[in-house]
Amino acid sequence: MKIVQALALAAFAFAAAAPAVAGPDDEKWIKQCQHDNRNEGAKPEVVTKYCTCMNDKMDNNETRSITQWEKANPNAAKACSAQAGWK
C-alpha cells in the first residue's frame, strides 16, 4: 500500500510542477500575439515567452486578443516583458 501512496504522491507532485499545457484556444491566441509582435525587435523565443506569459495571466473567458488585453493591463505586460527577457 505504501508503494501505491508513494507513486500517487510522485504523480501529483509531477503534475503540479509541470507547466500548464496550452489548449487549442490558447495556442491560437499565442500565435496571434507572436504575429502581432514579430517586428518589435525581440528574438522569436522571447516573443513566445512574453505571449505565453500574457496568455497565462488572462482569464479563460477573455474575448480580447493578447495585444488588446495588454493595452488595458500595462502592469501585466511589464511583468511578462521582464520575465521573458525582453529588452
C-alpha atoms as a PDB file:
ATOM      1  CA  MET A   1       0.000   0.000   0.000  1.00  0.00           C
ATOM      2  CA  LYS A   2       2.860   2.374   0.750  1.00  0.00           C
ATOM      3  CA  ILE A   3       4.191   1.947  -2.775  1.00  0.00           C
ATOM      4  CA  VAL A   4       0.824   2.945  -4.234  1.00  0.00           C
ATOM      5  CA  GLN A   5       0.727   6.001  -1.980  1.00  0.00           C
ATOM      6  CA  ALA A   6       4.288   6.945  -2.938  1.00  0.00           C
ATOM      7  CA  LEU A   7       3.515   6.596  -6.646  1.00  0.00           C
ATOM      8  CA  ALA A   8       0.348   8.655  -6.291  1.00  0.00           C
ATOM      9  CA  LEU A   9       2.242  11.353  -4.412  1.00  0.00           C
ATOM     10  CA  ALA A  10       5.003  11.381  -7.028  1.00  0.00           C
ATOM     11  CA  ALA A  11       2.460  11.659  -9.853  1.00  0.00           C
ATOM     12  CA  PHE A  12       0.699  14.511  -8.092  1.00  0.00           C
ATOM     13  CA  ALA A  13       3.976  16.347  -7.471  1.00  0.00           C
ATOM     14  CA  PHE A  14       4.986  15.944 -11.126  1.00  0.00           C
ATOM     15  CA  ALA A  15       1.616  17.209 -12.361  1.00  0.00           C
ATOM     16  CA  ALA A  16       1.763  20.216 -10.032  1.00  0.00           C
ATOM     17  CA  ALA A  17       5.293  21.104 -11.153  1.00  0.00           C
ATOM     18  CA  ALA A  18       4.640  20.693 -14.871  1.00  0.00           C
ATOM     19  CA  PRO A  19       3.731  23.832 -16.814  1.00  0.00           C
ATOM     20  CA  ALA A  20       0.164  24.141 -17.984  1.00  0.00           C
ATOM     21  CA  VAL A  21      -0.395  22.722 -21.426  1.00  0.00           C
ATOM     22  CA  ALA A  22      -1.865  25.241 -23.786  1.00  0.00           C
ATOM     23  CA  GLY A  23      -5.099  24.160 -25.382  1.00  0.00           C
ATOM     24  CA  PRO A  24      -6.078  24.905 -28.972  1.00  0.00           C
ATOM     25  CA  ASP A  25      -7.644  28.220 -27.981  1.00  0.00           C
ATOM     26  CA  ASP A  26      -4.519  29.275 -26.057  1.00  0.00           C
ATOM     27  CA  GLU A  27      -2.323  28.284 -28.976  1.00  0.00           C
ATOM     28  CA  LYS A  28      -4.435  30.433 -31.307  1.00  0.00           C
ATOM     29  CA  TRP A  29      -4.079  33.486 -29.059  1.00  0.00           C
ATOM     30  CA  ILE A  30      -0.352  32.951 -28.533  1.00  0.00           C
ATOM     31  CA  LYS A  31       0.219  32.560 -32.284  1.00  0.00           C
ATOM     32  CA  GLN A  32      -1.682  35.807 -32.937  1.00  0.00           C
ATOM     33  CA  CYS A  33       0.378  37.589 -30.272  1.00  0.00           C
ATOM     34  CA  GLN A  34       3.587  36.297 -31.867  1.00  0.00           C
ATOM     35  CA  HIS A  35       2.398  37.609 -35.226  1.00  0.00           C
ATOM     36  CA  ASP A  36       1.450  40.983 -33.715  1.00  0.00           C
ATOM     37  CA  ASN A  37       4.900  41.341 -32.121  1.00  0.00           C
ATOM     38  CA  ARG A  38       7.063  39.927 -34.921  1.00  0.00           C
ATOM     39  CA  ASN A  39       8.537  43.322 -35.826  1.00  0.00           C
ATOM     40  CA  GLU A  40       9.151  44.636 -32.308  1.00  0.00           C
ATOM     41  CA  GLY A  41      12.859  43.757 -32.286  1.00  0.00           C
ATOM     42  CA  ALA A  42      12.857  40.792 -29.908  1.00  0.00           C
ATOM     43  CA  LYS A  43      14.052  37.283 -30.714  1.00  0.00           C
ATOM     44  CA  PRO A  44      11.239  34.837 -31.541  1.00  0.00           C
ATOM     45  CA  GLU A  45      11.825  32.819 -28.347  1.00  0.00           C
ATOM     46  CA  VAL A  46      11.491  35.998 -26.251  1.00  0.00           C
ATOM     47  CA  VAL A  47       8.250  36.898 -28.011  1.00  0.00           C
ATOM     48  CA  THR A  48       6.952  33.368 -27.396  1.00  0.00           C
ATOM     49  CA  LYS A  49       7.776  33.594 -23.673  1.00  0.00           C
ATOM     50  CA  TYR A  50       6.123  37.008 -23.471  1.00  0.00           C
ATOM     51  CA  CYS A  51       2.979  35.896 -25.293  1.00  0.00           C
ATOM     52  CA  THR A  52       2.694  32.725 -23.223  1.00  0.00           C
ATOM     53  CA  CYS A  53       3.080  34.714 -20.006  1.00  0.00           C
ATOM     54  CA  MET A  54       0.422  37.190 -21.090  1.00  0.00           C
ATOM     55  CA  ASN A  55      -1.921  34.384 -22.107  1.00  0.00           C
ATOM     56  CA  ASP A  56      -1.427  32.737 -18.707  1.00  0.00           C
ATOM     57  CA  LYS A  57      -2.325  35.979 -16.914  1.00  0.00           C
ATOM     58  CA  MET A  58      -5.561  36.387 -18.860  1.00  0.00           C
ATOM     59  CA  ASP A  59      -8.850  34.912 -17.689  1.00  0.00           C
ATOM     60  CA  ASN A  60     -10.004  31.889 -19.693  1.00  0.00           C
ATOM     61  CA  ASN A  61     -13.212  33.747 -20.544  1.00  0.00           C
ATOM     62  CA  GLU A  62     -11.400  36.769 -22.002  1.00  0.00           C
ATOM     63  CA  THR A  63     -12.559  37.620 -25.509  1.00  0.00           C
ATOM     64  CA  ARG A  64      -9.947  40.247 -26.384  1.00  0.00           C
ATOM     65  CA  SER A  65      -6.690  39.282 -28.069  1.00  0.00           C
ATOM     66  CA  ILE A  66      -3.495  39.373 -26.038  1.00  0.00           C
ATOM     67  CA  THR A  67      -2.497  42.525 -27.925  1.00  0.00           C
ATOM     68  CA  GLN A  68      -5.771  44.223 -26.989  1.00  0.00           C
ATOM     69  CA  TRP A  69      -5.634  42.963 -23.395  1.00  0.00           C
ATOM     70  CA  GLU A  70      -2.063  44.128 -22.804  1.00  0.00           C
ATOM     71  CA  LYS A  71      -3.042  47.729 -23.544  1.00  0.00           C
ATOM     72  CA  ALA A  72      -5.582  47.621 -20.715  1.00  0.00           C
ATOM     73  CA  ASN A  73      -3.152  45.800 -18.378  1.00  0.00           C
ATOM     74  CA  PRO A  74       0.225  47.539 -18.582  1.00  0.00           C
ATOM     75  CA  ASN A  75       1.460  46.059 -15.294  1.00  0.00           C
ATOM     76  CA  ALA A  76       0.965  42.531 -16.626  1.00  0.00           C
ATOM     77  CA  ALA A  77       2.714  43.486 -19.858  1.00  0.00           C
ATOM     78  CA  LYS A  78       5.644  44.929 -17.906  1.00  0.00           C
ATOM     79  CA  ALA A  79       5.908  41.812 -15.717  1.00  0.00           C
ATOM     80  CA  CYS A  80       5.786  39.494 -18.733  1.00  0.00           C
ATOM     81  CA  SER A  81       8.361  41.576 -20.596  1.00  0.00           C
ATOM     82  CA  ALA A  82      10.726  41.229 -17.655  1.00  0.00           C
ATOM     83  CA  GLN A  83      10.009  37.508 -17.284  1.00  0.00           C
ATOM     84  CA  ALA A  84      10.631  36.911 -20.998  1.00  0.00           C
ATOM     85  CA  GLY A  85      13.843  38.951 -21.003  1.00  0.00           C
ATOM     86  CA  TRP A  86      12.504  41.497 -23.466  1.00  0.00           C
ATOM     87  CA  LYS A  87      14.957  44.370 -23.676  1.00  0.00           C
END
